[in-house]
Amino acid sequence: MIRSMSTNVPATVDEYLAAWEGDRRARLDAIRAAVREAAPDATELISYGMPSFKIGRRVVVSIGAFAKHDSIFPASQVVQDQLGALVAPHVKGRGTFQFVLAKPLPMDVIRAIVQARVAEVRAEG
C-alpha cells in the first residue's frame, strides 16, 4: 500500500506500520526491530509523519517507506564519516540512507547506522 503522508498522518508508529502489508510490512518491522535493538532506550513517536526514535530531546533516527525504497534519516556527516564504505552505497540525496525494495535489507548496516547515531546524539548532549 502506498499512501500520501500529507493527507493521512498516523498518530503512532503502530498505526504507520498497520498501513503496510505483506513483505513491505515485514521490512518495516525488521527495520523497527533493528532500531530498537541498537537503541533500546529510545522512545518511539511520529515526527514529520514518520516513525521516529528519540533519546532525550533528540531524534536518533526516523524511518520511512516510499514507492521504491525504505529510508533512514538522518544520514549525518558524522555517521557517514565513521562508517564510510559500509554506508556509501545507501547514501542518497541530503541526509538519507535508502534501501531499495529490490534487495534484501542489510540489517548489519542498519544496526551500525543506528548505533553510530546513538553515539553522535549522546556526544552532543
PDB file of N, CA and C in Angstrom:
ATOM      1  N   MET A   1       0.843  -1.181   0.000  1.00  0.00           N
ATOM      2  CA  MET A   1       0.000   0.000   0.000  1.00  0.00           C
ATOM      3  C   MET A   1       0.884   1.239   0.000  1.00  0.00           C
ATOM      4  N   ILE A   2       0.617   2.156  -0.858  1.00  0.00           N
ATOM      5  CA  ILE A   2       1.287   3.448  -0.888  1.00  0.00           C
ATOM      6  C   ILE A   2       0.239   4.485  -0.519  1.00  0.00           C
ATOM      7  N   ARG A   3       0.594   5.368   0.396  1.00  0.00           N
ATOM      8  CA  ARG A   3      -0.368   6.375   0.801  1.00  0.00           C
ATOM      9  C   ARG A   3       0.305   7.724   0.887  1.00  0.00           C
ATOM     10  N   SER A   4      -0.467   8.744   0.802  1.00  0.00           N
ATOM     11  CA  SER A   4       0.062  10.090   0.919  1.00  0.00           C
ATOM     12  C   SER A   4       0.149  10.457   2.381  1.00  0.00           C
ATOM     13  N   MET A   5       1.370  10.677   2.848  1.00  0.00           N
ATOM     14  CA  MET A   5       1.561  11.027   4.243  1.00  0.00           C
ATOM     15  C   MET A   5       0.983  12.412   4.548  1.00  0.00           C
ATOM     16  N   SER A   6       0.843  13.262   3.540  1.00  0.00           N
ATOM     17  CA  SER A   6       0.350  14.607   3.793  1.00  0.00           C
ATOM     18  C   SER A   6      -1.145  14.620   4.097  1.00  0.00           C
ATOM     19  N   THR A   7      -1.882  13.620   3.662  1.00  0.00           N
ATOM     20  CA  THR A   7      -3.319  13.606   3.898  1.00  0.00           C
ATOM     21  C   THR A   7      -3.735  12.615   4.965  1.00  0.00           C
ATOM     22  N   ASN A   8      -2.843  11.737   5.388  1.00  0.00           N
ATOM     23  CA  ASN A   8      -3.208  10.709   6.348  1.00  0.00           C
ATOM     24  C   ASN A   8      -2.042  10.471   7.311  1.00  0.00           C
ATOM     25  N   VAL A   9      -1.798  11.418   8.179  1.00  0.00           N
ATOM     26  CA  VAL A   9      -0.675  11.316   9.096  1.00  0.00           C
ATOM     27  C   VAL A   9      -1.055  10.396  10.252  1.00  0.00           C
ATOM     28  N   PRO A  10      -0.277   9.343  10.472  1.00  0.00           N
ATOM     29  CA  PRO A  10      -0.581   8.422  11.567  1.00  0.00           C
ATOM     30  C   PRO A  10      -0.283   9.059  12.918  1.00  0.00           C
ATOM     31  N   ALA A  11      -0.975   8.587  13.948  1.00  0.00           N
ATOM     32  CA  ALA A  11      -0.770   9.113  15.295  1.00  0.00           C
ATOM     33  C   ALA A  11       0.324   8.356  16.037  1.00  0.00           C
ATOM     34  N   THR A  12       0.553   7.088  15.660  1.00  0.00           N
ATOM     35  CA  THR A  12       1.537   6.256  16.358  1.00  0.00           C
ATOM     36  C   THR A  12       2.359   5.466  15.345  1.00  0.00           C
ATOM     37  N   VAL A  13       3.470   4.930  15.823  1.00  0.00           N
ATOM     38  CA  VAL A  13       4.294   4.078  14.967  1.00  0.00           C
ATOM     39  C   VAL A  13       3.500   2.841  14.557  1.00  0.00           C
ATOM     40  N   ASP A  14       2.771   2.251  15.487  1.00  0.00           N
ATOM     41  CA  ASP A  14       1.954   1.084  15.144  1.00  0.00           C
ATOM     42  C   ASP A  14       0.941   1.410  14.058  1.00  0.00           C
ATOM     43  N   GLU A  15       0.339   2.585  14.103  1.00  0.00           N
ATOM     44  CA  GLU A  15      -0.621   2.995  13.082  1.00  0.00           C
ATOM     45  C   GLU A  15       0.067   3.154  11.727  1.00  0.00           C
ATOM     46  N   TYR A  16       1.254   3.729  11.711  1.00  0.00           N
ATOM     47  CA  TYR A  16       2.015   3.868  10.467  1.00  0.00           C
ATOM     48  C   TYR A  16       2.273   2.489   9.866  1.00  0.00           C
ATOM     49  N   LEU A  17       2.753   1.573  10.680  1.00  0.00           N
ATOM     50  CA  LEU A  17       3.084   0.236  10.189  1.00  0.00           C
ATOM     51  C   LEU A  17       1.857  -0.541   9.747  1.00  0.00           C
ATOM     52  N   ALA A  18       0.722  -0.322  10.406  1.00  0.00           N
ATOM     53  CA  ALA A  18      -0.511  -1.036  10.069  1.00  0.00           C
ATOM     54  C   ALA A  18      -1.000  -0.726   8.652  1.00  0.00           C
ATOM     55  N   ALA A  19      -0.539   0.389   8.087  1.00  0.00           N
ATOM     56  CA  ALA A  19      -0.953   0.764   6.733  1.00  0.00           C
ATOM     57  C   ALA A  19      -0.255  -0.044   5.647  1.00  0.00           C
ATOM     58  N   TRP A  20       0.750  -0.834   6.041  1.00  0.00           N
ATOM     59  CA  TRP A  20       1.535  -1.608   5.088  1.00  0.00           C
ATOM     60  C   TRP A  20       1.260  -3.090   5.280  1.00  0.00           C
ATOM     61  N   GLU A  21       1.358  -3.851   4.183  1.00  0.00           N
ATOM     62  CA  GLU A  21       1.012  -5.274   4.222  1.00  0.00           C
ATOM     63  C   GLU A  21       2.143  -6.136   3.675  1.00  0.00           C
ATOM     64  N   GLY A  22       2.065  -7.418   3.978  1.00  0.00           N
ATOM     65  CA  GLY A  22       2.933  -8.425   3.388  1.00  0.00           C
ATOM     66  C   GLY A  22       4.409  -8.170   3.588  1.00  0.00           C
ATOM     67  N   ASP A  23       5.163  -8.366   2.488  1.00  0.00           N
ATOM     68  CA  ASP A  23       6.622  -8.216   2.538  1.00  0.00           C
ATOM     69  C   ASP A  23       7.038  -6.809   2.949  1.00  0.00           C
ATOM     70  N   ARG A  24       6.264  -5.819   2.531  1.00  0.00           N
ATOM     71  CA  ARG A  24       6.615  -4.436   2.866  1.00  0.00           C
ATOM     72  C   ARG A  24       6.489  -4.203   4.362  1.00  0.00           C
ATOM     73  N   ARG A  25       5.445  -4.729   4.953  1.00  0.00           N
ATOM     74  CA  ARG A  25       5.286  -4.602   6.412  1.00  0.00           C
ATOM     75  C   ARG A  25       6.417  -5.343   7.126  1.00  0.00           C
ATOM     76  N   ALA A  26       6.794  -6.507   6.619  1.00  0.00           N
ATOM     77  CA  ALA A  26       7.876  -7.282   7.231  1.00  0.00           C
ATOM     78  C   ALA A  26       9.187  -6.501   7.198  1.00  0.00           C
ATOM     79  N   ARG A  27       9.461  -5.811   6.097  1.00  0.00           N
ATOM     80  CA  ARG A  27      10.679  -4.995   6.005  1.00  0.00           C
ATOM     81  C   ARG A  27      10.668  -3.881   7.053  1.00  0.00           C
ATOM     82  N   LEU A  28       9.552  -3.198   7.158  1.00  0.00           N
ATOM     83  CA  LEU A  28       9.451  -2.100   8.117  1.00  0.00           C
ATOM     84  C   LEU A  28       9.548  -2.612   9.555  1.00  0.00           C
ATOM     85  N   ASP A  29       8.927  -3.751   9.820  1.00  0.00           N
ATOM     86  CA  ASP A  29       9.036  -4.360  11.148  1.00  0.00           C
ATOM     87  C   ASP A  29      10.490  -4.722  11.460  1.00  0.00           C
ATOM     88  N   ALA A  30      11.211  -5.203  10.459  1.00  0.00           N
ATOM     89  CA  ALA A  30      12.621  -5.570  10.652  1.00  0.00           C
ATOM     90  C   ALA A  30      13.469  -4.330  10.934  1.00  0.00           C
ATOM     91  N   ILE A  31      13.201  -3.248  10.223  1.00  0.00           N
ATOM     92  CA  ILE A  31      13.927  -2.006  10.478  1.00  0.00           C
ATOM     93  C   ILE A  31      13.629  -1.510  11.886  1.00  0.00           C
ATOM     94  N   ARG A  32      12.365  -1.513  12.256  1.00  0.00           N
ATOM     95  CA  ARG A  32      11.977  -1.084  13.605  1.00  0.00           C
ATOM     96  C   ARG A  32      12.682  -1.932  14.667  1.00  0.00           C
ATOM     97  N   ALA A  33      12.692  -3.229  14.475  1.00  0.00           N
ATOM     98  CA  ALA A  33      13.343  -4.123  15.442  1.00  0.00           C
ATOM     99  C   ALA A  33      14.838  -3.833  15.539  1.00  0.00           C
ATOM    100  N   ALA A  34      15.477  -3.560  14.416  1.00  0.00           N
ATOM    101  CA  ALA A  34      16.910  -3.244  14.425  1.00  0.00           C
ATOM    102  C   ALA A  34      17.170  -1.934  15.162  1.00  0.00           C
ATOM    103  N   VAL A  35      16.304  -0.963  14.957  1.00  0.00           N
ATOM    104  CA  VAL A  35      16.457   0.310  15.667  1.00  0.00           C
ATOM    105  C   VAL A  35      16.296   0.089  17.160  1.00  0.00           C
ATOM    106  N   ARG A  36      15.279  -0.661  17.534  1.00  0.00           N
ATOM    107  CA  ARG A  36      15.030  -0.901  18.960  1.00  0.00           C
ATOM    108  C   ARG A  36      16.169  -1.699  19.600  1.00  0.00           C
ATOM    109  N   GLU A  37      16.758  -2.604  18.837  1.00  0.00           N
ATOM    110  CA  GLU A  37      17.907  -3.377  19.330  1.00  0.00           C
ATOM    111  C   GLU A  37      19.123  -2.482  19.550  1.00  0.00           C
ATOM    112  N   ALA A  38      19.369  -1.598  18.594  1.00  0.00           N
ATOM    113  CA  ALA A  38      20.547  -0.737  18.658  1.00  0.00           C
ATOM    114  C   ALA A  38      20.351   0.470  19.581  1.00  0.00           C
ATOM    115  N   ALA A  39      19.105   0.821  19.839  1.00  0.00           N
ATOM    116  CA  ALA A  39      18.789   1.963  20.706  1.00  0.00           C
ATOM    117  C   ALA A  39      17.657   1.572  21.651  1.00  0.00           C
ATOM    118  N   PRO A  40      17.907   0.634  22.570  1.00  0.00           N
ATOM    119  CA  PRO A  40      16.824   0.102  23.404  1.00  0.00           C
ATOM    120  C   PRO A  40      16.155   1.130  24.312  1.00  0.00           C
ATOM    121  N   ASP A  41      16.838   2.223  24.623  1.00  0.00           N
ATOM    122  CA  ASP A  41      16.239   3.234  25.492  1.00  0.00           C
ATOM    123  C   ASP A  41      15.571   4.375  24.716  1.00  0.00           C
ATOM    124  N   ALA A  42      15.489   4.236  23.401  1.00  0.00           N
ATOM    125  CA  ALA A  42      14.837   5.262  22.586  1.00  0.00           C
ATOM    126  C   ALA A  42      13.322   5.194  22.747  1.00  0.00           C
ATOM    127  N   THR A  43      12.708   6.353  22.673  1.00  0.00           N
ATOM    128  CA  THR A  43      11.253   6.479  22.726  1.00  0.00           C
ATOM    129  C   THR A  43      10.728   6.597  21.300  1.00  0.00           C
ATOM    130  N   GLU A  44       9.643   5.902  20.998  1.00  0.00           N
ATOM    131  CA  GLU A  44       9.034   5.971  19.667  1.00  0.00           C
ATOM    132  C   GLU A  44       8.025   7.114  19.610  1.00  0.00           C
ATOM    133  N   LEU A  45       7.970   7.758  18.459  1.00  0.00           N
ATOM    134  CA  LEU A  45       6.987   8.804  18.217  1.00  0.00           C
ATOM    135  C   LEU A  45       6.831   8.978  16.709  1.00  0.00           C
ATOM    136  N   ILE A  46       5.854   9.759  16.319  1.00  0.00           N
ATOM    137  CA  ILE A  46       5.697  10.152  14.916  1.00  0.00           C
ATOM    138  C   ILE A  46       6.213  11.580  14.801  1.00  0.00           C
ATOM    139  N   SER A  47       7.137  11.795  13.877  1.00  0.00           N
ATOM    140  CA  SER A  47       7.682  13.118  13.615  1.00  0.00           C
ATOM    141  C   SER A  47       7.718  13.300  12.099  1.00  0.00           C
ATOM    142  N   TYR A  48       7.178  14.394  11.626  1.00  0.00           N
ATOM    143  CA  TYR A  48       7.073  14.642  10.193  1.00  0.00           C
ATOM    144  C   TYR A  48       6.372  13.490   9.478  1.00  0.00           C
ATOM    145  N   GLY A  49       5.402  12.877  10.156  1.00  0.00           N
ATOM    146  CA  GLY A  49       4.597  11.812   9.569  1.00  0.00           C
ATOM    147  C   GLY A  49       5.276  10.462   9.501  1.00  0.00           C
ATOM    148  N   MET A  50       6.475  10.329  10.104  1.00  0.00           N
ATOM    149  CA  MET A  50       7.229   9.071  10.024  1.00  0.00           C
ATOM    150  C   MET A  50       7.556   8.545  11.419  1.00  0.00           C
ATOM    151  N   PRO A  51       7.710   7.224  11.524  1.00  0.00           N
ATOM    152  CA  PRO A  51       8.190   6.661  12.786  1.00  0.00           C
ATOM    153  C   PRO A  51       9.567   7.231  13.109  1.00  0.00           C
ATOM    154  N   SER A  52       9.698   7.709  14.338  1.00  0.00           N
ATOM    155  CA  SER A  52      10.954   8.292  14.780  1.00  0.00           C
ATOM    156  C   SER A  52      11.293   7.739  16.152  1.00  0.00           C
ATOM    157  N   PHE A  53      12.573   7.810  16.476  1.00  0.00           N
ATOM    158  CA  PHE A  53      13.073   7.254  17.731  1.00  0.00           C
ATOM    159  C   PHE A  53      13.982   8.300  18.346  1.00  0.00           C
ATOM    160  N   LYS A  54      13.670   8.701  19.590  1.00  0.00           N
ATOM    161  CA  LYS A  54      14.485   9.749  20.197  1.00  0.00           C
ATOM    162  C   LYS A  54      15.032   9.311  21.545  1.00  0.00           C
ATOM    163  N   ILE A  55      16.148   9.908  21.866  1.00  0.00           N
ATOM    164  CA  ILE A  55      16.765   9.749  23.173  1.00  0.00           C
ATOM    165  C   ILE A  55      16.824  11.149  23.764  1.00  0.00           C
ATOM    166  N   GLY A  56      16.223  11.307  24.926  1.00  0.00           N
ATOM    167  CA  GLY A  56      16.101  12.638  25.492  1.00  0.00           C
ATOM    168  C   GLY A  56      15.256  13.490  24.569  1.00  0.00           C
ATOM    169  N   ARG A  57      15.778  14.629  24.200  1.00  0.00           N
ATOM    170  CA  ARG A  57      15.036  15.538  23.313  1.00  0.00           C
ATOM    171  C   ARG A  57      15.447  15.415  21.854  1.00  0.00           C
ATOM    172  N   ARG A  58      16.391  14.540  21.546  1.00  0.00           N
ATOM    173  CA  ARG A  58      16.951  14.435  20.194  1.00  0.00           C
ATOM    174  C   ARG A  58      16.445  13.203  19.455  1.00  0.00           C
ATOM    175  N   VAL A  59      16.038  13.386  18.232  1.00  0.00           N
ATOM    176  CA  VAL A  59      15.676  12.252  17.382  1.00  0.00           C
ATOM    177  C   VAL A  59      16.966  11.577  16.939  1.00  0.00           C
ATOM    178  N   VAL A  60      17.021  10.279  17.165  1.00  0.00           N
ATOM    179  CA  VAL A  60      18.176   9.489  16.739  1.00  0.00           C
ATOM    180  C   VAL A  60      18.010   9.169  15.260  1.00  0.00           C
ATOM    181  N   VAL A  61      16.909   8.534  14.910  1.00  0.00           N
ATOM    182  CA  VAL A  61      16.593   8.236  13.512  1.00  0.00           C
ATOM    183  C   VAL A  61      15.090   8.274  13.304  1.00  0.00           C
ATOM    184  N   SER A  62      14.724   8.482  12.059  1.00  0.00           N
ATOM    185  CA  SER A  62      13.356   8.309  11.588  1.00  0.00           C
ATOM    186  C   SER A  62      13.420   7.311  10.448  1.00  0.00           C
ATOM    187  N   ILE A  63      12.328   6.603  10.239  1.00  0.00           N
ATOM    188  CA  ILE A  63      12.263   5.652   9.132  1.00  0.00           C
ATOM    189  C   ILE A  63      11.050   5.978   8.270  1.00  0.00           C
ATOM    190  N   GLY A  64      11.156   5.664   6.993  1.00  0.00           N
ATOM    191  CA  GLY A  64      10.048   5.943   6.098  1.00  0.00           C
ATOM    192  C   GLY A  64       9.983   4.938   4.970  1.00  0.00           C
ATOM    193  N   ALA A  65       8.761   4.681   4.535  1.00  0.00           N
ATOM    194  CA  ALA A  65       8.516   3.784   3.402  1.00  0.00           C
ATOM    195  C   ALA A  65       8.106   4.630   2.200  1.00  0.00           C
ATOM    196  N   PHE A  66       8.725   4.355   1.068  1.00  0.00           N
ATOM    197  CA  PHE A  66       8.455   5.096  -0.153  1.00  0.00           C
ATOM    198  C   PHE A  66       8.191   4.111  -1.285  1.00  0.00           C
ATOM    199  N   ALA A  67       7.860   4.606  -2.448  1.00  0.00           N
ATOM    200  CA  ALA A  67       7.434   3.748  -3.549  1.00  0.00           C
ATOM    201  C   ALA A  67       8.442   2.658  -3.905  1.00  0.00           C
ATOM    202  N   LYS A  68       9.737   2.990  -3.921  1.00  0.00           N
ATOM    203  CA  LYS A  68      10.727   2.019  -4.372  1.00  0.00           C
ATOM    204  C   LYS A  68      11.825   1.736  -3.359  1.00  0.00           C
ATOM    205  N   HIS A  69      11.696   2.323  -2.171  1.00  0.00           N
ATOM    206  CA  HIS A  69      12.736   2.124  -1.168  1.00  0.00           C
ATOM    207  C   HIS A  69      12.212   2.416   0.234  1.00  0.00           C
ATOM    208  N   ASP A  70      12.976   1.994   1.211  1.00  0.00           N
ATOM    209  CA  ASP A  70      12.773   2.389   2.597  1.00  0.00           C
ATOM    210  C   ASP A  70      13.949   3.288   2.949  1.00  0.00           C
ATOM    211  N   SER A  71      13.719   4.213   3.871  1.00  0.00           N
ATOM    212  CA  SER A  71      14.775   5.161   4.217  1.00  0.00           C
ATOM    213  C   SER A  71      14.962   5.281   5.715  1.00  0.00           C
ATOM    214  N   ILE A  72      16.176   5.680   6.078  1.00  0.00           N
ATOM    215  CA  ILE A  72      16.507   6.070   7.441  1.00  0.00           C
ATOM    216  C   ILE A  72      17.073   7.474   7.356  1.00  0.00           C
ATOM    217  N   PHE A  73      16.603   8.322   8.250  1.00  0.00           N
ATOM    218  CA  PHE A  73      17.047   9.709   8.340  1.00  0.00           C
ATOM    219  C   PHE A  73      17.572   9.951   9.753  1.00  0.00           C
ATOM    220  N   PRO A  74      18.496  10.800  10.022  1.00  0.00           N
ATOM    221  CA  PRO A  74      19.329  11.481   9.048  1.00  0.00           C
ATOM    222  C   PRO A  74      20.566  10.671   8.713  1.00  0.00           C
ATOM    223  N   ALA A  75      21.082  10.914   7.547  1.00  0.00           N
ATOM    224  CA  ALA A  75      22.378  10.354   7.161  1.00  0.00           C
ATOM    225  C   ALA A  75      23.405  11.427   7.488  1.00  0.00           C
ATOM    226  N   SER A  76      23.627  11.612   8.772  1.00  0.00           N
ATOM    227  CA  SER A  76      24.508  12.697   9.200  1.00  0.00           C
ATOM    228  C   SER A  76      25.919  12.486   8.667  1.00  0.00           C
ATOM    229  N   GLN A  77      26.623  13.575   8.537  1.00  0.00           N
ATOM    230  CA  GLN A  77      28.006  13.503   8.055  1.00  0.00           C
ATOM    231  C   GLN A  77      28.878  12.740   9.041  1.00  0.00           C
ATOM    232  N   VAL A  78      28.577  12.869  10.325  1.00  0.00           N
ATOM    233  CA  VAL A  78      29.330  12.137  11.346  1.00  0.00           C
ATOM    234  C   VAL A  78      29.208  10.631  11.110  1.00  0.00           C
ATOM    235  N   VAL A  79      27.988  10.155  10.875  1.00  0.00           N
ATOM    236  CA  VAL A  79      27.770   8.729  10.634  1.00  0.00           C
ATOM    237  C   VAL A  79      28.429   8.307   9.326  1.00  0.00           C
ATOM    238  N   GLN A  80      28.283   9.117   8.290  1.00  0.00           N
ATOM    239  CA  GLN A  80      28.908   8.792   7.008  1.00  0.00           C
ATOM    240  C   GLN A  80      30.424   8.700   7.142  1.00  0.00           C
ATOM    241  N   ASP A  81      31.015   9.638   7.859  1.00  0.00           N
ATOM    242  CA  ASP A  81      32.473   9.613   8.042  1.00  0.00           C
ATOM    243  C   ASP A  81      32.904   8.406   8.859  1.00  0.00           C
ATOM    244  N   GLN A  82      32.158   8.098   9.897  1.00  0.00           N
ATOM    245  CA  GLN A  82      32.517   6.984  10.772  1.00  0.00           C
ATOM    246  C   GLN A  82      32.371   5.639  10.073  1.00  0.00           C
ATOM    247  N   LEU A  83      31.305   5.462   9.291  1.00  0.00           N
ATOM    248  CA  LEU A  83      31.019   4.151   8.689  1.00  0.00           C
ATOM    249  C   LEU A  83      31.502   4.025   7.246  1.00  0.00           C
ATOM    250  N   GLY A  84      31.855   5.128   6.630  1.00  0.00           N
ATOM    251  CA  GLY A  84      32.497   5.133   5.310  1.00  0.00           C
ATOM    252  C   GLY A  84      31.891   4.224   4.264  1.00  0.00           C
ATOM    253  N   ALA A  85      32.698   3.289   3.777  1.00  0.00           N
ATOM    254  CA  ALA A  85      32.302   2.408   2.680  1.00  0.00           C
ATOM    255  C   ALA A  85      31.109   1.522   3.022  1.00  0.00           C
ATOM    256  N   LEU A  86      30.907   1.246   4.292  1.00  0.00           N
ATOM    257  CA  LEU A  86      29.773   0.407   4.700  1.00  0.00           C
ATOM    258  C   LEU A  86      28.445   1.052   4.312  1.00  0.00           C
ATOM    259  N   VAL A  87      28.346   2.378   4.472  1.00  0.00           N
ATOM    260  CA  VAL A  87      27.083   3.062   4.187  1.00  0.00           C
ATOM    261  C   VAL A  87      27.060   3.787   2.846  1.00  0.00           C
ATOM    262  N   ALA A  88      28.199   3.975   2.240  1.00  0.00           N
ATOM    263  CA  ALA A  88      28.285   4.753   0.996  1.00  0.00           C
ATOM    264  C   ALA A  88      27.269   4.339  -0.073  1.00  0.00           C
ATOM    265  N   PRO A  89      27.022   3.041  -0.295  1.00  0.00           N
ATOM    266  CA  PRO A  89      26.050   2.680  -1.336  1.00  0.00           C
ATOM    267  C   PRO A  89      24.614   3.085  -1.004  1.00  0.00           C
ATOM    268  N   HIS A  90      24.356   3.434   0.246  1.00  0.00           N
ATOM    269  CA  HIS A  90      22.993   3.734   0.678  1.00  0.00           C
ATOM    270  C   HIS A  90      22.734   5.218   0.873  1.00  0.00           C
ATOM    271  N   VAL A  91      23.759   6.059   0.736  1.00  0.00           N
ATOM    272  CA  VAL A  91      23.592   7.499   0.919  1.00  0.00           C
ATOM    273  C   VAL A  91      22.960   8.072  -0.345  1.00  0.00           C
ATOM    274  N   LYS A  92      21.813   8.715  -0.155  1.00  0.00           N
ATOM    275  CA  LYS A  92      21.094   9.307  -1.286  1.00  0.00           C
ATOM    276  C   LYS A  92      20.614  10.688  -0.892  1.00  0.00           C
ATOM    277  N   GLY A  93      20.799  11.618  -1.765  1.00  0.00           N
ATOM    278  CA  GLY A  93      20.318  12.965  -1.507  1.00  0.00           C
ATOM    279  C   GLY A  93      20.904  13.548  -0.237  1.00  0.00           C
ATOM    280  N   ARG A  94      20.199  14.494   0.307  1.00  0.00           N
ATOM    281  CA  ARG A  94      20.656  15.161   1.518  1.00  0.00           C
ATOM    282  C   ARG A  94      20.130  14.442   2.743  1.00  0.00           C
ATOM    283  N   GLY A  95      21.029  13.807   3.468  1.00  0.00           N
ATOM    284  CA  GLY A  95      20.662  13.262   4.758  1.00  0.00           C
ATOM    285  C   GLY A  95      19.830  12.009   4.764  1.00  0.00           C
ATOM    286  N   THR A  96      19.929  11.184   3.718  1.00  0.00           N
ATOM    287  CA  THR A  96      19.077   9.998   3.633  1.00  0.00           C
ATOM    288  C   THR A  96      19.891   8.750   3.322  1.00  0.00           C
ATOM    289  N   PHE A  97      19.584   7.684   4.062  1.00  0.00           N
ATOM    290  CA  PHE A  97      20.062   6.349   3.712  1.00  0.00           C
ATOM    291  C   PHE A  97      18.881   5.635   3.071  1.00  0.00           C
ATOM    292  N   GLN A  98      19.058   5.115   1.860  1.00  0.00           N
ATOM    293  CA  GLN A  98      17.983   4.411   1.162  1.00  0.00           C
ATOM    294  C   GLN A  98      18.325   2.943   0.988  1.00  0.00           C
ATOM    295  N   PHE A  99      17.290   2.117   1.107  1.00  0.00           N
ATOM    296  CA  PHE A  99      17.405   0.670   0.928  1.00  0.00           C
ATOM    297  C   PHE A  99      16.340   0.258  -0.081  1.00  0.00           C
ATOM    298  N   VAL A 100      16.787  -0.036  -1.303  1.00  0.00           N
ATOM    299  CA  VAL A 100      15.852  -0.325  -2.391  1.00  0.00           C
ATOM    300  C   VAL A 100      15.096  -1.620  -2.124  1.00  0.00           C
ATOM    301  N   LEU A 101      13.856  -1.641  -2.555  1.00  0.00           N
ATOM    302  CA  LEU A 101      12.987  -2.788  -2.312  1.00  0.00           C
ATOM    303  C   LEU A 101      13.444  -4.036  -3.045  1.00  0.00           C
ATOM    304  N   ALA A 102      14.164  -3.849  -4.144  1.00  0.00           N
ATOM    305  CA  ALA A 102      14.591  -4.994  -4.948  1.00  0.00           C
ATOM    306  C   ALA A 102      15.699  -5.805  -4.280  1.00  0.00           C
ATOM    307  N   LYS A 103      16.248  -5.306  -3.171  1.00  0.00           N
ATOM    308  CA  LYS A 103      17.344  -6.006  -2.495  1.00  0.00           C
ATOM    309  C   LYS A 103      16.973  -6.276  -1.039  1.00  0.00           C
ATOM    310  N   PRO A 104      17.518  -7.353  -0.473  1.00  0.00           N
ATOM    311  CA  PRO A 104      17.274  -7.614   0.952  1.00  0.00           C
ATOM    312  C   PRO A 104      17.843  -6.483   1.807  1.00  0.00           C
ATOM    313  N   LEU A 105      17.203  -6.271   2.945  1.00  0.00           N
ATOM    314  CA  LEU A 105      17.701  -5.243   3.864  1.00  0.00           C
ATOM    315  C   LEU A 105      19.055  -5.649   4.435  1.00  0.00           C
ATOM    316  N   PRO A 106      20.016  -4.749   4.442  1.00  0.00           N
ATOM    317  CA  PRO A 106      21.319  -5.035   5.059  1.00  0.00           C
ATOM    318  C   PRO A 106      21.236  -4.731   6.565  1.00  0.00           C
ATOM    319  N   MET A 107      20.761  -5.694   7.328  1.00  0.00           N
ATOM    320  CA  MET A 107      20.478  -5.462   8.737  1.00  0.00           C
ATOM    321  C   MET A 107      21.718  -5.028   9.514  1.00  0.00           C
ATOM    322  N   ASP A 108      22.878  -5.546   9.150  1.00  0.00           N
ATOM    323  CA  ASP A 108      24.101  -5.132   9.848  1.00  0.00           C
ATOM    324  C   ASP A 108      24.392  -3.654   9.611  1.00  0.00           C
ATOM    325  N   VAL A 109      24.115  -3.170   8.417  1.00  0.00           N
ATOM    326  CA  VAL A 109      24.313  -1.763   8.093  1.00  0.00           C
ATOM    327  C   VAL A 109      23.322  -0.903   8.874  1.00  0.00           C
ATOM    328  N   ILE A 110      22.083  -1.331   8.917  1.00  0.00           N
ATOM    329  CA  ILE A 110      21.054  -0.573   9.631  1.00  0.00           C
ATOM    330  C   ILE A 110      21.399  -0.470  11.116  1.00  0.00           C
ATOM    331  N   ARG A 111      21.785  -1.577  11.724  1.00  0.00           N
ATOM    332  CA  ARG A 111      22.173  -1.535  13.142  1.00  0.00           C
ATOM    333  C   ARG A 111      23.390  -0.626  13.353  1.00  0.00           C
ATOM    334  N   ALA A 112      24.364  -0.687  12.452  1.00  0.00           N
ATOM    335  CA  ALA A 112      25.555   0.166  12.569  1.00  0.00           C
ATOM    336  C   ALA A 112      25.183   1.643  12.462  1.00  0.00           C
ATOM    337  N   ILE A 113      24.281   1.981  11.553  1.00  0.00           N
ATOM    338  CA  ILE A 113      23.828   3.370  11.411  1.00  0.00           C
ATOM    339  C   ILE A 113      23.203   3.847  12.715  1.00  0.00           C
ATOM    340  N   VAL A 114      22.312   3.051  13.266  1.00  0.00           N
ATOM    341  CA  VAL A 114      21.619   3.458  14.492  1.00  0.00           C
ATOM    342  C   VAL A 114      22.606   3.569  15.657  1.00  0.00           C
ATOM    343  N   GLN A 115      23.508   2.621  15.777  1.00  0.00           N
ATOM    344  CA  GLN A 115      24.500   2.686  16.853  1.00  0.00           C
ATOM    345  C   GLN A 115      25.359   3.944  16.730  1.00  0.00           C
ATOM    346  N   ALA A 116      25.752   4.268  15.512  1.00  0.00           N
ATOM    347  CA  ALA A 116      26.556   5.467  15.299  1.00  0.00           C
ATOM    348  C   ALA A 116      25.758   6.727  15.612  1.00  0.00           C
ATOM    349  N   ARG A 117      24.487   6.745  15.255  1.00  0.00           N
ATOM    350  CA  ARG A 117      23.631   7.905  15.557  1.00  0.00           C
ATOM    351  C   ARG A 117      23.426   8.045  17.060  1.00  0.00           C
ATOM    352  N   VAL A 118      23.238   6.938  17.764  1.00  0.00           N
ATOM    353  CA  VAL A 118      23.093   6.992  19.221  1.00  0.00           C
ATOM    354  C   VAL A 118      24.341   7.626  19.831  1.00  0.00           C
ATOM    355  N   ALA A 119      25.503   7.178  19.404  1.00  0.00           N
ATOM    356  CA  ALA A 119      26.754   7.732  19.910  1.00  0.00           C
ATOM    357  C   ALA A 119      26.860   9.221  19.577  1.00  0.00           C
ATOM    358  N   GLU A 120      26.475   9.597  18.369  1.00  0.00           N
ATOM    359  CA  GLU A 120      26.524  11.003  17.964  1.00  0.00           C
ATOM    360  C   GLU A 120      25.603  11.857  18.832  1.00  0.00           C
ATOM    361  N   VAL A 121      24.371  11.394  19.034  1.00  0.00           N
ATOM    362  CA  VAL A 121      23.395  12.145  19.841  1.00  0.00           C
ATOM    363  C   VAL A 121      23.885  12.265  21.280  1.00  0.00           C
ATOM    364  N   ARG A 122      24.404  11.200  21.828  1.00  0.00           N
ATOM    365  CA  ARG A 122      24.879  11.245  23.218  1.00  0.00           C
ATOM    366  C   ARG A 122      26.105  12.159  23.364  1.00  0.00           C
ATOM    367  N   ALA A 123      26.973  12.151  22.356  1.00  0.00           N
ATOM    368  CA  ALA A 123      28.160  13.015  22.398  1.00  0.00           C
ATOM    369  C   ALA A 123      27.794  14.491  22.343  1.00  0.00           C
ATOM    370  N   GLU A 124      26.703  14.786  21.655  1.00  0.00           N
ATOM    371  CA  GLU A 124      26.256  16.177  21.531  1.00  0.00           C
ATOM    372  C   GLU A 124      25.518  16.643  22.784  1.00  0.00           C
ATOM    373  N   GLY A 125      25.150  15.679  23.633  1.00  0.00           N
ATOM    374  CA  GLY A 125      24.474  16.017  24.894  1.00  0.00           C
ATOM    375  C   GLY A 125      23.066  16.295  24.697  1.00  0.00           C
TER     376      GLY A 125
END
